[in-house]
């Protein structure tokens, strides 16, 4: 619980900077976001990864990458709109490295070097 809350706070605090980097970066990359979805008829929530197709100020469009453990309306490959305020993590993958909210400063430095 506490680790999820810490990760969510870091993801939200760096989201706008991630969006700016994503739009402007000359480095080939892709972005994934982690967000809770309702499972088991809304009784539970499960945090799953989406391939981010669009990073907007008010919404993210992502394609579900993993099969939820609980019974969910979404299946791998389904697209959905997510609220950036609900993110519990994100990851930017370049050719040589993967970065998350805790690595954001390093990501900016390495991106300037073209990595």
N, C-alpha and C. Protein backbone atom coordinates (compact mmCIF):
# COMPACT_ATOMS: atom_id res chain seq x y z
N UNK A 1 0.81 -1.19 0.00
CA UNK A 1 0.00 0.00 0.00
C UNK A 1 0.86 1.26 0.00
N UNK A 2 1.80 1.34 0.93
CA UNK A 2 2.59 2.55 1.05
C UNK A 2 3.47 2.76 -0.18
N UNK A 3 4.04 1.67 -0.71
CA UNK A 3 4.87 1.77 -1.91
C UNK A 3 4.03 2.21 -3.11
N UNK A 4 2.82 1.70 -3.22
CA UNK A 4 1.93 2.12 -4.30
C UNK A 4 1.60 3.60 -4.18
N UNK A 5 1.32 4.07 -2.97
CA UNK A 5 1.01 5.48 -2.76
C UNK A 5 2.21 6.36 -3.09
N UNK A 6 3.41 5.92 -2.69
CA UNK A 6 4.62 6.68 -3.01
C UNK A 6 4.85 6.73 -4.51
N UNK A 7 4.68 5.60 -5.20
CA UNK A 7 4.85 5.55 -6.64
C UNK A 7 3.83 6.41 -7.37
N UNK A 8 2.60 6.39 -6.87
CA UNK A 8 1.54 7.20 -7.48
C UNK A 8 1.85 8.69 -7.35
N UNK A 9 2.31 9.10 -6.19
CA UNK A 9 2.66 10.51 -5.99
C UNK A 9 3.79 10.92 -6.93
N UNK A 10 4.82 10.10 -7.03
CA UNK A 10 5.95 10.41 -7.93
C UNK A 10 5.49 10.45 -9.38
N UNK A 11 4.63 9.52 -9.78
CA UNK A 11 4.14 9.49 -11.17
C UNK A 11 3.35 10.76 -11.49
N UNK A 12 2.51 11.17 -10.57
CA UNK A 12 1.69 12.37 -10.80
C UNK A 12 2.52 13.64 -10.80
N UNK A 13 3.51 13.69 -9.90
CA UNK A 13 4.35 14.89 -9.81
C UNK A 13 5.21 15.08 -11.06
N UNK A 14 5.55 14.02 -11.75
CA UNK A 14 6.42 14.12 -12.92
C UNK A 14 5.67 13.96 -14.24
N UNK A 15 4.37 13.77 -14.20
CA UNK A 15 3.60 13.49 -15.42
C UNK A 15 3.70 14.61 -16.46
N UNK A 16 3.51 15.86 -16.06
CA UNK A 16 3.56 16.97 -17.03
C UNK A 16 4.95 17.08 -17.67
N UNK A 17 5.99 16.87 -16.87
CA UNK A 17 7.35 16.90 -17.43
C UNK A 17 7.57 15.72 -18.37
N UNK A 18 7.01 14.55 -18.04
CA UNK A 18 7.08 13.40 -18.93
C UNK A 18 6.40 13.71 -20.26
N UNK A 19 5.22 14.32 -20.21
CA UNK A 19 4.51 14.70 -21.43
C UNK A 19 5.37 15.60 -22.31
N UNK A 20 5.98 16.61 -21.71
CA UNK A 20 6.82 17.54 -22.46
C UNK A 20 8.01 16.81 -23.08
N UNK A 21 8.66 15.95 -22.29
CA UNK A 21 9.79 15.18 -22.80
C UNK A 21 9.35 14.27 -23.94
N UNK A 22 8.22 13.60 -23.78
CA UNK A 22 7.69 12.68 -24.78
C UNK A 22 7.46 13.39 -26.12
N UNK A 23 6.90 14.59 -26.08
CA UNK A 23 6.63 15.34 -27.30
C UNK A 23 7.90 15.85 -27.96
N UNK A 24 8.88 16.25 -27.16
CA UNK A 24 10.05 16.94 -27.71
C UNK A 24 11.28 16.05 -27.90
N UNK A 25 11.31 14.89 -27.30
CA UNK A 25 12.52 14.07 -27.32
C UNK A 25 12.84 13.56 -28.72
N UNK A 26 14.10 13.76 -29.15
CA UNK A 26 14.53 13.21 -30.44
C UNK A 26 14.89 11.73 -30.32
N UNK A 27 14.94 11.22 -29.11
CA UNK A 27 15.32 9.84 -28.85
C UNK A 27 14.12 8.93 -29.11
N UNK A 28 14.33 7.85 -29.85
CA UNK A 28 13.27 6.88 -30.08
C UNK A 28 12.90 6.23 -28.74
N UNK A 29 11.61 6.19 -28.44
CA UNK A 29 11.17 5.68 -27.14
C UNK A 29 9.69 5.32 -27.20
N UNK A 30 9.24 4.65 -26.16
CA UNK A 30 7.81 4.47 -25.95
C UNK A 30 7.55 4.62 -24.46
N UNK A 31 6.29 4.89 -24.13
CA UNK A 31 5.91 5.15 -22.75
C UNK A 31 4.80 4.19 -22.35
N UNK A 32 4.92 3.66 -21.14
CA UNK A 32 3.87 2.85 -20.54
C UNK A 32 3.41 3.55 -19.26
N UNK A 33 2.13 3.39 -18.95
CA UNK A 33 1.60 3.96 -17.72
C UNK A 33 0.91 2.85 -16.92
N UNK A 34 0.98 2.99 -15.61
CA UNK A 34 0.34 2.03 -14.71
C UNK A 34 -0.86 2.73 -14.07
N UNK A 35 -1.98 2.02 -14.09
CA UNK A 35 -3.21 2.63 -13.61
C UNK A 35 -4.12 1.54 -13.02
N UNK A 36 -4.87 1.85 -11.99
CA UNK A 36 -5.79 0.84 -11.46
C UNK A 36 -7.03 0.70 -12.34
N UNK A 37 -7.51 -0.52 -12.45
CA UNK A 37 -8.79 -0.79 -13.10
C UNK A 37 -9.64 -1.60 -12.13
N UNK A 38 -10.94 -1.50 -12.31
CA UNK A 38 -11.85 -2.28 -11.48
C UNK A 38 -11.87 -3.72 -11.96
N UNK A 39 -11.83 -4.64 -11.01
CA UNK A 39 -11.94 -6.06 -11.30
C UNK A 39 -12.97 -6.68 -10.37
N UNK A 40 -13.39 -7.88 -10.72
CA UNK A 40 -14.35 -8.64 -9.90
C UNK A 40 -15.62 -7.85 -9.62
N UNK A 41 -16.18 -7.27 -10.70
CA UNK A 41 -17.44 -6.55 -10.56
C UNK A 41 -17.34 -5.26 -9.77
N UNK A 42 -16.16 -4.66 -9.72
CA UNK A 42 -15.98 -3.40 -9.00
C UNK A 42 -15.63 -3.58 -7.54
N UNK A 43 -15.51 -4.82 -7.09
CA UNK A 43 -15.18 -5.07 -5.69
C UNK A 43 -13.72 -4.79 -5.38
N UNK A 44 -12.86 -4.92 -6.38
CA UNK A 44 -11.42 -4.73 -6.19
C UNK A 44 -10.86 -3.84 -7.29
N UNK A 45 -9.63 -3.38 -7.05
CA UNK A 45 -8.89 -2.63 -8.05
C UNK A 45 -7.54 -3.32 -8.24
N UNK A 46 -7.11 -3.35 -9.48
CA UNK A 46 -5.82 -3.96 -9.81
C UNK A 46 -5.01 -2.96 -10.63
N UNK A 47 -3.74 -2.82 -10.30
CA UNK A 47 -2.86 -1.89 -11.00
C UNK A 47 -2.21 -2.63 -12.16
N UNK A 48 -2.47 -2.15 -13.40
CA UNK A 48 -2.00 -2.82 -14.61
C UNK A 48 -1.30 -1.81 -15.52
N UNK A 49 -0.50 -2.34 -16.44
CA UNK A 49 0.27 -1.51 -17.37
C UNK A 49 -0.45 -1.34 -18.70
N UNK A 50 -0.40 -0.10 -19.21
CA UNK A 50 -0.95 0.25 -20.52
C UNK A 50 0.17 0.84 -21.38
N UNK A 51 0.18 0.49 -22.65
CA UNK A 51 1.06 1.14 -23.63
C UNK A 51 0.39 2.47 -23.96
N UNK A 52 1.06 3.57 -23.65
CA UNK A 52 0.46 4.90 -23.82
C UNK A 52 0.53 5.32 -25.29
N UNK A 53 -0.64 5.46 -25.89
CA UNK A 53 -0.73 5.92 -27.27
C UNK A 53 -0.83 7.44 -27.34
N UNK A 54 -1.37 8.04 -26.30
CA UNK A 54 -1.58 9.49 -26.25
C UNK A 54 -1.46 9.94 -24.80
N UNK A 55 -0.63 10.96 -24.58
CA UNK A 55 -0.47 11.54 -23.25
C UNK A 55 -1.04 12.96 -23.29
N UNK A 56 -2.24 13.13 -22.82
CA UNK A 56 -2.86 14.44 -22.80
C UNK A 56 -2.84 15.05 -21.42
N UNK A 57 -3.20 16.32 -21.36
CA UNK A 57 -3.25 16.99 -20.06
C UNK A 57 -4.33 16.41 -19.17
N UNK A 58 -5.47 16.06 -19.78
CA UNK A 58 -6.61 15.59 -18.98
C UNK A 58 -6.91 14.12 -19.14
N UNK A 59 -6.27 13.47 -20.12
CA UNK A 59 -6.48 12.04 -20.27
C UNK A 59 -5.34 11.39 -21.04
N UNK A 60 -5.22 10.12 -20.77
CA UNK A 60 -4.21 9.27 -21.42
C UNK A 60 -4.98 8.18 -22.16
N UNK A 61 -4.59 7.91 -23.40
CA UNK A 61 -5.18 6.76 -24.08
C UNK A 61 -4.13 5.67 -24.09
N UNK A 62 -4.51 4.51 -23.58
CA UNK A 62 -3.56 3.41 -23.50
C UNK A 62 -4.18 2.09 -23.91
N UNK A 63 -3.31 1.18 -24.31
CA UNK A 63 -3.71 -0.18 -24.67
C UNK A 63 -3.24 -1.10 -23.55
N UNK A 64 -4.16 -1.86 -22.99
CA UNK A 64 -3.84 -2.76 -21.89
C UNK A 64 -2.81 -3.79 -22.36
N UNK A 65 -1.73 -3.91 -21.60
CA UNK A 65 -0.63 -4.79 -21.99
C UNK A 65 -0.68 -6.15 -21.30
N UNK A 66 -1.28 -6.22 -20.14
CA UNK A 66 -1.25 -7.48 -19.38
C UNK A 66 -2.66 -7.98 -19.11
N UNK A 67 -2.74 -9.24 -18.79
CA UNK A 67 -4.02 -9.86 -18.48
C UNK A 67 -4.29 -9.67 -16.98
N UNK A 68 -5.33 -8.92 -16.62
CA UNK A 68 -5.62 -8.74 -15.19
C UNK A 68 -5.87 -10.08 -14.51
N UNK A 69 -5.42 -10.20 -13.26
CA UNK A 69 -5.63 -11.43 -12.50
C UNK A 69 -7.09 -11.60 -12.13
N UNK A 70 -7.75 -10.49 -11.81
CA UNK A 70 -9.18 -10.54 -11.50
C UNK A 70 -10.01 -10.44 -12.77
N UNK A 71 -11.30 -10.69 -12.62
CA UNK A 71 -12.22 -10.60 -13.76
C UNK A 71 -12.45 -9.12 -14.09
N UNK A 72 -12.10 -8.72 -15.33
CA UNK A 72 -12.18 -7.31 -15.72
C UNK A 72 -12.91 -7.17 -17.04
N UNK A 73 -13.44 -5.97 -17.27
CA UNK A 73 -14.08 -5.68 -18.54
C UNK A 73 -13.06 -5.52 -19.66
N UNK A 74 -11.83 -5.15 -19.31
CA UNK A 74 -10.77 -4.96 -20.30
C UNK A 74 -9.94 -6.23 -20.45
N UNK A 75 -9.50 -6.48 -21.67
CA UNK A 75 -8.61 -7.61 -21.96
C UNK A 75 -7.36 -7.06 -22.63
N UNK A 76 -6.26 -7.81 -22.59
CA UNK A 76 -5.04 -7.34 -23.27
C UNK A 76 -5.34 -6.94 -24.71
N UNK A 77 -4.83 -5.77 -25.10
CA UNK A 77 -5.06 -5.25 -26.44
C UNK A 77 -6.20 -4.25 -26.51
N UNK A 78 -7.05 -4.20 -25.46
CA UNK A 78 -8.14 -3.22 -25.44
C UNK A 78 -7.58 -1.84 -25.14
N UNK A 79 -8.19 -0.83 -25.77
CA UNK A 79 -7.80 0.56 -25.56
C UNK A 79 -8.78 1.21 -24.59
N UNK A 80 -8.26 2.12 -23.76
CA UNK A 80 -9.12 2.82 -22.80
C UNK A 80 -8.54 4.20 -22.54
N UNK A 81 -9.40 5.12 -22.10
CA UNK A 81 -8.95 6.44 -21.67
C UNK A 81 -8.78 6.43 -20.15
N UNK A 82 -7.66 6.98 -19.70
CA UNK A 82 -7.30 6.98 -18.29
C UNK A 82 -7.13 8.42 -17.81
N UNK A 83 -7.38 8.65 -16.55
CA UNK A 83 -7.18 9.95 -15.94
C UNK A 83 -5.74 10.03 -15.43
N UNK A 84 -4.96 11.02 -15.85
CA UNK A 84 -3.58 11.13 -15.36
C UNK A 84 -3.49 11.21 -13.83
N UNK A 85 -4.55 11.69 -13.19
CA UNK A 85 -4.55 11.76 -11.72
C UNK A 85 -4.67 10.40 -11.06
N UNK A 86 -5.01 9.37 -11.85
CA UNK A 86 -5.14 8.01 -11.32
C UNK A 86 -3.87 7.18 -11.53
N UNK A 87 -2.88 7.72 -12.25
CA UNK A 87 -1.67 6.95 -12.53
C UNK A 87 -0.96 6.56 -11.24
N UNK A 88 -0.45 5.33 -11.22
CA UNK A 88 0.35 4.88 -10.08
C UNK A 88 1.79 4.58 -10.51
N UNK A 89 2.10 4.84 -11.77
CA UNK A 89 3.46 4.67 -12.26
C UNK A 89 3.53 4.95 -13.75
N UNK A 90 4.73 5.15 -14.23
CA UNK A 90 4.97 5.25 -15.67
C UNK A 90 6.40 4.79 -15.94
N UNK A 91 6.65 4.42 -17.19
CA UNK A 91 7.99 4.01 -17.60
C UNK A 91 8.21 4.46 -19.03
N UNK A 92 9.35 5.09 -19.27
CA UNK A 92 9.77 5.47 -20.61
C UNK A 92 10.92 4.55 -21.00
N UNK A 93 10.78 3.87 -22.11
CA UNK A 93 11.78 2.92 -22.58
C UNK A 93 12.46 3.49 -23.82
N UNK A 94 13.79 3.64 -23.74
CA UNK A 94 14.57 4.04 -24.90
C UNK A 94 15.32 2.80 -25.39
N UNK A 95 16.11 2.97 -26.41
CA UNK A 95 16.88 1.83 -26.95
C UNK A 95 17.80 1.23 -25.90
N UNK A 96 18.34 2.06 -25.02
CA UNK A 96 19.36 1.60 -24.09
C UNK A 96 18.96 1.54 -22.63
N UNK A 97 17.81 2.09 -22.27
CA UNK A 97 17.47 2.15 -20.85
C UNK A 97 15.97 2.34 -20.64
N UNK A 98 15.54 2.03 -19.43
CA UNK A 98 14.16 2.28 -19.00
C UNK A 98 14.20 3.25 -17.83
N UNK A 99 13.27 4.19 -17.82
CA UNK A 99 13.22 5.21 -16.78
C UNK A 99 11.83 5.30 -16.20
N UNK A 100 11.76 5.58 -14.91
CA UNK A 100 10.49 5.81 -14.25
C UNK A 100 10.53 7.15 -13.54
N UNK A 101 9.49 7.46 -12.78
CA UNK A 101 9.43 8.76 -12.09
C UNK A 101 10.65 9.03 -11.20
N UNK A 102 11.20 8.00 -10.57
CA UNK A 102 12.36 8.21 -9.70
C UNK A 102 13.64 8.46 -10.48
N UNK A 103 13.64 8.15 -11.78
CA UNK A 103 14.83 8.31 -12.63
C UNK A 103 14.70 9.50 -13.58
N UNK A 104 13.72 10.34 -13.33
CA UNK A 104 13.39 11.36 -14.31
C UNK A 104 14.56 12.28 -14.63
N UNK A 105 15.27 12.72 -13.63
CA UNK A 105 16.42 13.63 -13.88
C UNK A 105 17.47 12.95 -14.75
N UNK A 106 17.77 11.70 -14.46
CA UNK A 106 18.75 10.94 -15.27
C UNK A 106 18.24 10.79 -16.71
N UNK A 107 16.96 10.59 -16.88
CA UNK A 107 16.38 10.45 -18.21
C UNK A 107 16.61 11.71 -19.03
N UNK A 108 16.42 12.87 -18.42
CA UNK A 108 16.62 14.13 -19.12
C UNK A 108 18.08 14.31 -19.55
N UNK A 109 19.00 13.95 -18.66
CA UNK A 109 20.42 14.09 -18.98
C UNK A 109 20.82 13.16 -20.10
N UNK A 110 20.43 11.89 -20.00
CA UNK A 110 20.78 10.93 -21.04
C UNK A 110 20.12 11.24 -22.37
N UNK A 111 18.91 11.79 -22.33
CA UNK A 111 18.22 12.15 -23.57
C UNK A 111 18.97 13.26 -24.29
N UNK A 112 19.56 14.18 -23.54
CA UNK A 112 20.35 15.24 -24.17
C UNK A 112 21.56 14.67 -24.89
N UNK A 113 22.07 13.55 -24.39
CA UNK A 113 23.22 12.88 -25.00
C UNK A 113 22.81 12.00 -26.16
N UNK A 114 21.49 11.91 -26.43
CA UNK A 114 21.00 11.09 -27.54
C UNK A 114 20.92 9.61 -27.24
N UNK A 115 20.82 9.24 -25.96
CA UNK A 115 20.71 7.82 -25.60
C UNK A 115 19.29 7.48 -25.38
